[in-house]
PDB file of N, CA and C in Angstrom:
ATOM      1  N   MET A   1     -29.336   9.916  13.935  1.00  0.00           N
ATOM      2  CA  MET A   1     -27.935   9.674  13.688  1.00  0.00           C
ATOM      3  C   MET A   1     -27.486  10.461  12.466  1.00  0.00           C
ATOM      4  N   SER A   2     -26.279  10.935  12.520  1.00  0.00           N
ATOM      5  CA  SER A   2     -25.767  11.672  11.371  1.00  0.00           C
ATOM      6  C   SER A   2     -25.022  10.718  10.453  1.00  0.00           C
ATOM      7  N   GLU A   3     -25.221  10.920   9.153  1.00  0.00           N
ATOM      8  CA  GLU A   3     -24.530  10.088   8.178  1.00  0.00           C
ATOM      9  C   GLU A   3     -23.176  10.680   7.872  1.00  0.00           C
ATOM     10  N   LYS A   4     -22.223   9.824   7.608  1.00  0.00           N
ATOM     11  CA  LYS A   4     -20.874  10.270   7.275  1.00  0.00           C
ATOM     12  C   LYS A   4     -20.853  10.682   5.808  1.00  0.00           C
ATOM     13  N   SER A   5     -20.306  11.832   5.538  1.00  0.00           N
ATOM     14  CA  SER A   5     -20.206  12.328   4.178  1.00  0.00           C
ATOM     15  C   SER A   5     -19.074  11.608   3.452  1.00  0.00           C
ATOM     16  N   PRO A   6     -19.267  11.273   2.179  1.00  0.00           N
ATOM     17  CA  PRO A   6     -18.171  10.638   1.432  1.00  0.00           C
ATOM     18  C   PRO A   6     -16.992  11.590   1.246  1.00  0.00           C
ATOM     19  N   TYR A   7     -17.228  12.873   1.408  1.00  0.00           N
ATOM     20  CA  TYR A   7     -16.171  13.863   1.245  1.00  0.00           C
ATOM     21  C   TYR A   7     -15.270  13.953   2.474  1.00  0.00           C
ATOM     22  N   ASP A   8     -15.667  13.331   3.576  1.00  0.00           N
ATOM     23  CA  ASP A   8     -14.841  13.332   4.785  1.00  0.00           C
ATOM     24  C   ASP A   8     -13.536  12.561   4.580  1.00  0.00           C
ATOM     25  N   GLU A   9     -13.486  11.750   3.528  1.00  0.00           N
ATOM     26  CA  GLU A   9     -12.282  10.971   3.247  1.00  0.00           C
ATOM     27  C   GLU A   9     -11.164  11.829   2.682  1.00  0.00           C
ATOM     28  N   PHE A  10     -11.503  13.039   2.215  1.00  0.00           N
ATOM     29  CA  PHE A  10     -10.535  13.910   1.570  1.00  0.00           C
ATOM     30  C   PHE A  10     -10.251  15.141   2.418  1.00  0.00           C
ATOM     31  N   LEU A  11      -9.035  15.662   2.320  1.00  0.00           N
ATOM     32  CA  LEU A  11      -8.710  16.923   2.983  1.00  0.00           C
ATOM     33  C   LEU A  11      -9.449  18.049   2.285  1.00  0.00           C
ATOM     34  N   THR A  12      -9.824  19.056   3.049  1.00  0.00           N
ATOM     35  CA  THR A  12     -10.447  20.239   2.460  1.00  0.00           C
ATOM     36  C   THR A  12      -9.372  21.089   1.793  1.00  0.00           C
ATOM     37  N   ARG A  13      -9.790  22.062   1.015  1.00  0.00           N
ATOM     38  CA  ARG A  13      -8.834  22.986   0.385  1.00  0.00           C
ATOM     39  C   ARG A  13      -7.990  23.685   1.449  1.00  0.00           C
ATOM     40  N   GLU A  14      -8.658  24.071   2.529  1.00  0.00           N
ATOM     41  CA  GLU A  14      -7.953  24.760   3.616  1.00  0.00           C
ATOM     42  C   GLU A  14      -6.915  23.847   4.259  1.00  0.00           C
ATOM     43  N   GLU A  15      -7.273  22.584   4.452  1.00  0.00           N
ATOM     44  CA  GLU A  15      -6.343  21.633   5.065  1.00  0.00           C
ATOM     45  C   GLU A  15      -5.132  21.377   4.168  1.00  0.00           C
ATOM     46  N   VAL A  16      -5.348  21.303   2.856  1.00  0.00           N
ATOM     47  CA  VAL A  16      -4.228  21.125   1.927  1.00  0.00           C
ATOM     48  C   VAL A  16      -3.330  22.354   1.985  1.00  0.00           C
ATOM     49  N   SER A  17      -3.944  23.526   2.104  1.00  0.00           N
ATOM     50  CA  SER A  17      -3.178  24.763   2.204  1.00  0.00           C
ATOM     51  C   SER A  17      -2.319  24.783   3.466  1.00  0.00           C
ATOM     52  N   VAL A  18      -2.885  24.363   4.583  1.00  0.00           N
ATOM     53  CA  VAL A  18      -2.135  24.326   5.845  1.00  0.00           C
ATOM     54  C   VAL A  18      -1.037  23.266   5.767  1.00  0.00           C
ATOM     55  N   LEU A  19      -1.352  22.113   5.207  1.00  0.00           N
ATOM     56  CA  LEU A  19      -0.396  21.017   5.097  1.00  0.00           C
ATOM     57  C   LEU A  19       0.825  21.421   4.276  1.00  0.00           C
ATOM     58  N   THR A  20       0.580  22.111   3.161  1.00  0.00           N
ATOM     59  CA  THR A  20       1.680  22.463   2.265  1.00  0.00           C
ATOM     60  C   THR A  20       2.311  23.809   2.591  1.00  0.00           C
ATOM     61  N   GLY A  21       1.525  24.683   3.224  1.00  0.00           N
ATOM     62  CA  GLY A  21       2.017  26.027   3.503  1.00  0.00           C
ATOM     63  C   GLY A  21       1.784  26.987   2.346  1.00  0.00           C
ATOM     64  N   TYR A  22       1.044  26.534   1.337  1.00  0.00           N
ATOM     65  CA  TYR A  22       0.797  27.359   0.155  1.00  0.00           C
ATOM     66  C   TYR A  22      -0.684  27.385  -0.205  1.00  0.00           C
ATOM     67  N   LYS A  23      -1.111  28.491  -0.816  1.00  0.00           N
ATOM     68  CA  LYS A  23      -2.478  28.596  -1.327  1.00  0.00           C
ATOM     69  C   LYS A  23      -2.527  28.344  -2.831  1.00  0.00           C
ATOM     70  N   SER A  24      -1.402  28.545  -3.509  1.00  0.00           N
ATOM     71  CA  SER A  24      -1.313  28.331  -4.955  1.00  0.00           C
ATOM     72  C   SER A  24      -1.334  26.835  -5.261  1.00  0.00           C
ATOM     73  N   LYS A  25      -2.189  26.438  -6.225  1.00  0.00           N
ATOM     74  CA  LYS A  25      -2.298  25.019  -6.573  1.00  0.00           C
ATOM     75  C   LYS A  25      -0.958  24.449  -7.028  1.00  0.00           C
ATOM     76  N   GLY A  26      -0.243  25.195  -7.839  1.00  0.00           N
ATOM     77  CA  GLY A  26       1.049  24.720  -8.339  1.00  0.00           C
ATOM     78  C   GLY A  26       2.052  24.494  -7.230  1.00  0.00           C
ATOM     79  N   LYS A  27       2.101  25.417  -6.284  1.00  0.00           N
ATOM     80  CA  LYS A  27       3.030  25.277  -5.163  1.00  0.00           C
ATOM     81  C   LYS A  27       2.599  24.150  -4.240  1.00  0.00           C
ATOM     82  N   GLN A  28       1.289  23.965  -4.068  1.00  0.00           N
ATOM     83  CA  GLN A  28       0.783  22.858  -3.262  1.00  0.00           C
ATOM     84  C   GLN A  28       1.218  21.527  -3.871  1.00  0.00           C
ATOM     85  N   ILE A  29       1.066  21.417  -5.182  1.00  0.00           N
ATOM     86  CA  ILE A  29       1.433  20.189  -5.880  1.00  0.00           C
ATOM     87  C   ILE A  29       2.919  19.897  -5.703  1.00  0.00           C
ATOM     88  N   ASN A  30       3.751  20.915  -5.900  1.00  0.00           N
ATOM     89  CA  ASN A  30       5.200  20.737  -5.730  1.00  0.00           C
ATOM     90  C   ASN A  30       5.550  20.313  -4.314  1.00  0.00           C
ATOM     91  N   GLN A  31       4.913  20.924  -3.320  1.00  0.00           N
ATOM     92  CA  GLN A  31       5.208  20.599  -1.920  1.00  0.00           C
ATOM     93  C   GLN A  31       4.746  19.189  -1.571  1.00  0.00           C
ATOM     94  N   LEU A  32       3.585  18.788  -2.069  1.00  0.00           N
ATOM     95  CA  LEU A  32       3.105  17.427  -1.823  1.00  0.00           C
ATOM     96  C   LEU A  32       4.073  16.408  -2.416  1.00  0.00           C
ATOM     97  N   LYS A  33       4.597  16.705  -3.615  1.00  0.00           N
ATOM     98  CA  LYS A  33       5.578  15.811  -4.235  1.00  0.00           C
ATOM     99  C   LYS A  33       6.844  15.739  -3.380  1.00  0.00           C
ATOM    100  N   LYS A  34       7.321  16.896  -2.885  1.00  0.00           N
ATOM    101  CA  LYS A  34       8.523  16.930  -2.041  1.00  0.00           C
ATOM    102  C   LYS A  34       8.328  16.119  -0.771  1.00  0.00           C
ATOM    103  N   GLN A  35       7.127  16.187  -0.203  1.00  0.00           N
ATOM    104  CA  GLN A  35       6.834  15.490   1.046  1.00  0.00           C
ATOM    105  C   GLN A  35       6.486  14.017   0.820  1.00  0.00           C
ATOM    106  N   GLY A  36       6.346  13.621  -0.424  1.00  0.00           N
ATOM    107  CA  GLY A  36       6.015  12.227  -0.729  1.00  0.00           C
ATOM    108  C   GLY A  36       4.589  11.862  -0.365  1.00  0.00           C
ATOM    109  N   ILE A  37       3.714  12.847  -0.364  1.00  0.00           N
ATOM    110  CA  ILE A  37       2.314  12.609  -0.010  1.00  0.00           C
ATOM    111  C   ILE A  37       1.533  12.315  -1.289  1.00  0.00           C
ATOM    112  N   PRO A  38       0.904  11.142  -1.374  1.00  0.00           N
ATOM    113  CA  PRO A  38       0.147  10.811  -2.579  1.00  0.00           C
ATOM    114  C   PRO A  38      -1.077  11.704  -2.739  1.00  0.00           C
ATOM    115  N   PHE A  39      -1.356  12.080  -3.991  1.00  0.00           N
ATOM    116  CA  PHE A  39      -2.514  12.915  -4.289  1.00  0.00           C
ATOM    117  C   PHE A  39      -2.934  12.678  -5.730  1.00  0.00           C
ATOM    118  N   ARG A  40      -4.106  13.144  -6.055  1.00  0.00           N
ATOM    119  CA  ARG A  40      -4.630  13.132  -7.420  1.00  0.00           C
ATOM    120  C   ARG A  40      -5.074  14.547  -7.741  1.00  0.00           C
ATOM    121  N   LEU A  41      -5.147  14.865  -9.008  1.00  0.00           N
ATOM    122  CA  LEU A  41      -5.649  16.171  -9.431  1.00  0.00           C
ATOM    123  C   LEU A  41      -7.095  16.015  -9.867  1.00  0.00           C
ATOM    124  N   ASN A  42      -7.933  16.977  -9.437  1.00  0.00           N
ATOM    125  CA  ASN A  42      -9.320  16.954  -9.881  1.00  0.00           C
ATOM    126  C   ASN A  42      -9.438  17.703 -11.212  1.00  0.00           C
ATOM    127  N   GLY A  43     -10.640  17.923 -11.675  1.00  0.00           N
ATOM    128  CA  GLY A  43     -10.880  18.595 -12.945  1.00  0.00           C
ATOM    129  C   GLY A  43     -10.391  20.033 -12.982  1.00  0.00           C
ATOM    130  N   ARG A  44     -10.191  20.638 -11.833  1.00  0.00           N
ATOM    131  CA  ARG A  44      -9.689  22.016 -11.732  1.00  0.00           C
ATOM    132  C   ARG A  44      -8.191  22.058 -11.475  1.00  0.00           C
ATOM    133  N   ASN A  45      -7.538  20.911 -11.628  1.00  0.00           N
ATOM    134  CA  ASN A  45      -6.102  20.769 -11.337  1.00  0.00           C
ATOM    135  C   ASN A  45      -5.759  21.117  -9.895  1.00  0.00           C
ATOM    136  N   GLU A  46      -6.687  20.815  -8.992  1.00  0.00           N
ATOM    137  CA  GLU A  46      -6.443  20.996  -7.555  1.00  0.00           C
ATOM    138  C   GLU A  46      -6.011  19.652  -6.977  1.00  0.00           C
ATOM    139  N   PRO A  47      -5.006  19.664  -6.093  1.00  0.00           N
ATOM    140  CA  PRO A  47      -4.587  18.396  -5.492  1.00  0.00           C
ATOM    141  C   PRO A  47      -5.628  17.888  -4.500  1.00  0.00           C
ATOM    142  N   ILE A  48      -5.955  16.617  -4.638  1.00  0.00           N
ATOM    143  CA  ILE A  48      -6.904  15.952  -3.748  1.00  0.00           C
ATOM    144  C   ILE A  48      -6.123  14.922  -2.937  1.00  0.00           C
ATOM    145  N   VAL A  49      -6.190  15.043  -1.615  1.00  0.00           N
ATOM    146  CA  VAL A  49      -5.410  14.178  -0.728  1.00  0.00           C
ATOM    147  C   VAL A  49      -6.366  13.358   0.144  1.00  0.00           C
ATOM    148  N   LEU A  50      -6.150  12.061   0.175  1.00  0.00           N
ATOM    149  CA  LEU A  50      -6.928  11.190   1.059  1.00  0.00           C
ATOM    150  C   LEU A  50      -6.414  11.316   2.488  1.00  0.00           C
ATOM    151  N   ARG A  51      -7.322  11.419   3.440  1.00  0.00           N
ATOM    152  CA  ARG A  51      -6.932  11.464   4.853  1.00  0.00           C
ATOM    153  C   ARG A  51      -6.124  10.242   5.246  1.00  0.00           C
ATOM    154  N   GLN A  52      -6.527   9.096   4.735  1.00  0.00           N
ATOM    155  CA  GLN A  52      -5.852   7.835   5.064  1.00  0.00           C
ATOM    156  C   GLN A  52      -4.377   7.892   4.756  1.00  0.00           C
ATOM    157  N   SER A  53      -4.003   8.563   3.680  1.00  0.00           N
ATOM    158  CA  SER A  53      -2.596   8.601   3.297  1.00  0.00           C
ATOM    159  C   SER A  53      -1.761   9.370   4.313  1.00  0.00           C
ATOM    160  N   LEU A  54      -2.379  10.289   5.042  1.00  0.00           N
ATOM    161  CA  LEU A  54      -1.661  11.052   6.060  1.00  0.00           C
ATOM    162  C   LEU A  54      -1.651  10.355   7.405  1.00  0.00           C
ATOM    163  N   LEU A  55      -2.705   9.650   7.693  1.00  0.00           N
ATOM    164  CA  LEU A  55      -2.840   9.008   8.997  1.00  0.00           C
ATOM    165  C   LEU A  55      -2.119   7.671   9.059  1.00  0.00           C
ATOM    166  N   GLY A  56      -1.693   7.179   7.920  1.00  0.00           N
ATOM    167  CA  GLY A  56      -0.986   5.896   7.899  1.00  0.00           C
ATOM    168  C   GLY A  56      -1.890   4.733   8.212  1.00  0.00           C
ATOM    169  N   ILE A  57      -3.168   4.909   7.972  1.00  0.00           N
ATOM    170  CA  ILE A  57      -4.112   3.831   8.248  1.00  0.00           C
ATOM    171  C   ILE A  57      -4.002   2.802   7.140  1.00  0.00           C
ATOM    172  N   LYS A  58      -3.767   1.569   7.527  1.00  0.00           N
ATOM    173  CA  LYS A  58      -3.693   0.478   6.570  1.00  0.00           C
ATOM    174  C   LYS A  58      -4.969  -0.329   6.693  1.00  0.00           C
ATOM    175  N   LYS A  59      -5.245  -1.107   5.675  1.00  0.00           N
ATOM    176  CA  LYS A  59      -6.416  -1.973   5.748  1.00  0.00           C
ATOM    177  C   LYS A  59      -6.291  -2.855   6.974  1.00  0.00           C
ATOM    178  N   GLN A  60      -7.379  -2.972   7.687  1.00  0.00           N
ATOM    179  CA  GLN A  60      -7.366  -3.761   8.908  1.00  0.00           C
ATOM    180  C   GLN A  60      -7.109  -5.227   8.590  1.00  0.00           C
ATOM    181  N   ASN A  61      -6.186  -5.792   9.303  1.00  0.00           N
ATOM    182  CA  ASN A  61      -5.854  -7.200   9.151  1.00  0.00           C
ATOM    183  C   ASN A  61      -6.848  -8.005   9.975  1.00  0.00           C
ATOM    184  N   SER A  62      -7.237  -9.144   9.462  1.00  0.00           N
ATOM    185  CA  SER A  62      -8.213  -9.958  10.185  1.00  0.00           C
ATOM    186  C   SER A  62      -7.620 -10.579  11.441  1.00  0.00           C
ATOM    187  N   GLY A  63      -6.307 -10.521  11.596  1.00  0.00           N
ATOM    188  CA  GLY A  63      -5.672 -11.086  12.777  1.00  0.00           C
ATOM    189  C   GLY A  63      -5.323 -12.540  12.620  1.00  0.00           C
ATOM    190  N   ASN A  64      -5.640 -13.123  11.474  1.00  0.00           N
ATOM    191  CA  ASN A  64      -5.370 -14.534  11.247  1.00  0.00           C
ATOM    192  C   ASN A  64      -3.955 -14.794  10.747  1.00  0.00           C
ATOM    193  N   SER A  65      -3.279 -13.782  10.256  1.00  0.00           N
ATOM    194  CA  SER A  65      -1.931 -14.008   9.744  1.00  0.00           C
ATOM    195  C   SER A  65      -0.931 -13.979  10.894  1.00  0.00           C
ATOM    196  N   PRO A  66       0.005 -14.926  10.887  1.00  0.00           N
ATOM    197  CA  PRO A  66       0.979 -14.968  11.977  1.00  0.00           C
ATOM    198  C   PRO A  66       1.953 -13.795  11.899  1.00  0.00           C
ATOM    199  N   VAL A  67       2.443 -13.385  13.043  1.00  0.00           N
ATOM    200  CA  VAL A  67       3.418 -12.306  13.106  1.00  0.00           C
ATOM    201  C   VAL A  67       4.778 -12.888  12.774  1.00  0.00           C
ATOM    202  N   LYS A  68       5.453 -12.269  11.826  1.00  0.00           N
ATOM    203  CA  LYS A  68       6.766 -12.760  11.410  1.00  0.00           C
ATOM    204  C   LYS A  68       7.787 -12.388  12.478  1.00  0.00           C
ATOM    205  N   PRO A  69       8.540 -13.363  12.971  1.00  0.00           N
ATOM    206  CA  PRO A  69       9.529 -13.057  14.005  1.00  0.00           C
ATOM    207  C   PRO A  69      10.658 -12.190  13.436  1.00  0.00           C
ATOM    208  N   ARG A  70      11.177 -11.345  14.264  1.00  0.00           N
ATOM    209  CA  ARG A  70      12.263 -10.470  13.877  1.00  0.00           C
ATOM    210  C   ARG A  70      13.551 -11.278  13.758  1.00  0.00           C
ATOM    211  N   TRP A  71      14.344 -11.008  12.720  1.00  0.00           N
ATOM    212  CA  TRP A  71      15.590 -11.730  12.510  1.00  0.00           C
ATOM    213  C   TRP A  71      16.567 -11.395  13.616  1.00  0.00           C
ATOM    214  N   GLN A  72      17.280 -12.399  14.063  1.00  0.00           N
ATOM    215  CA  GLN A  72      18.303 -12.203  15.082  1.00  0.00           C
ATOM    216  C   GLN A  72      19.533 -13.007  14.692  1.00  0.00           C
ATOM    217  N   SER A  73      20.682 -12.401  14.822  1.00  0.00           N
ATOM    218  CA  SER A  73      21.939 -13.061  14.491  1.00  0.00           C
ATOM    219  C   SER A  73      22.119 -14.296  15.353  1.00  0.00           C
ATOM    220  N   PRO A  74      22.616 -15.408  14.778  1.00  0.00           N
ATOM    221  CA  PRO A  74      22.868 -16.606  15.567  1.00  0.00           C
ATOM    222  C   PRO A  74      23.915 -16.384  16.646  1.00  0.00           C
ATOM    223  N   VAL A  75      24.761 -15.401  16.459  1.00  0.00           N
ATOM    224  CA  VAL A  75      25.788 -15.090  17.452  1.00  0.00           C
ATOM    225  C   VAL A  75      25.146 -14.672  18.775  1.00  0.00           C
ATOM    226  N   PHE A  76      24.036 -13.944  18.678  1.00  0.00           N
ATOM    227  CA  PHE A  76      23.360 -13.459  19.873  1.00  0.00           C
ATOM    228  C   PHE A  76      22.237 -14.370  20.346  1.00  0.00           C
ATOM    229  N   SER A  77      22.058 -15.447  19.646  1.00  0.00           N
ATOM    230  CA  SER A  77      21.001 -16.400  19.989  1.00  0.00           C
ATOM    231  C   SER A  77      21.357 -17.125  21.280  1.00  0.00           C
ATOM    232  N   SER A  78      20.368 -17.353  22.126  1.00  0.00           N
ATOM    233  CA  SER A  78      20.610 -18.029  23.396  1.00  0.00           C
ATOM    234  C   SER A  78      20.519 -19.541  23.266  1.00  0.00           C
ATOM    235  N   THR A  79      20.223 -20.042  22.085  1.00  0.00           N
ATOM    236  CA  THR A  79      20.076 -21.469  21.871  1.00  0.00           C
ATOM    237  C   THR A  79      21.393 -22.146  21.675  1.00  0.00           C
TER     238      THR A  79
END
C-alpha cells in the first residue's frame, strides 16, 4: 500500500501558478487575495494553499445534528 504524503494537502508551485495565472510570487499573492483564497506564506515568501480551501471540504458532520428547517413566510404557509 502506498502512504499518503503530508504534502498532498497543499497545492504544488505549478498548481498555484495555474490557479492564479502568474509565476511571480508577488502577483500570485495579489491574485489569491483578489479571489479570496486563503493562504499562508512560507519561509521563502511563497504562497501556500491548502487543497481543502479550494474544494470547499468542511469537517465531516457526525450526522447527529438536526437539519435546520428553511424559513418560510407565514403568508405562504399551508397551515
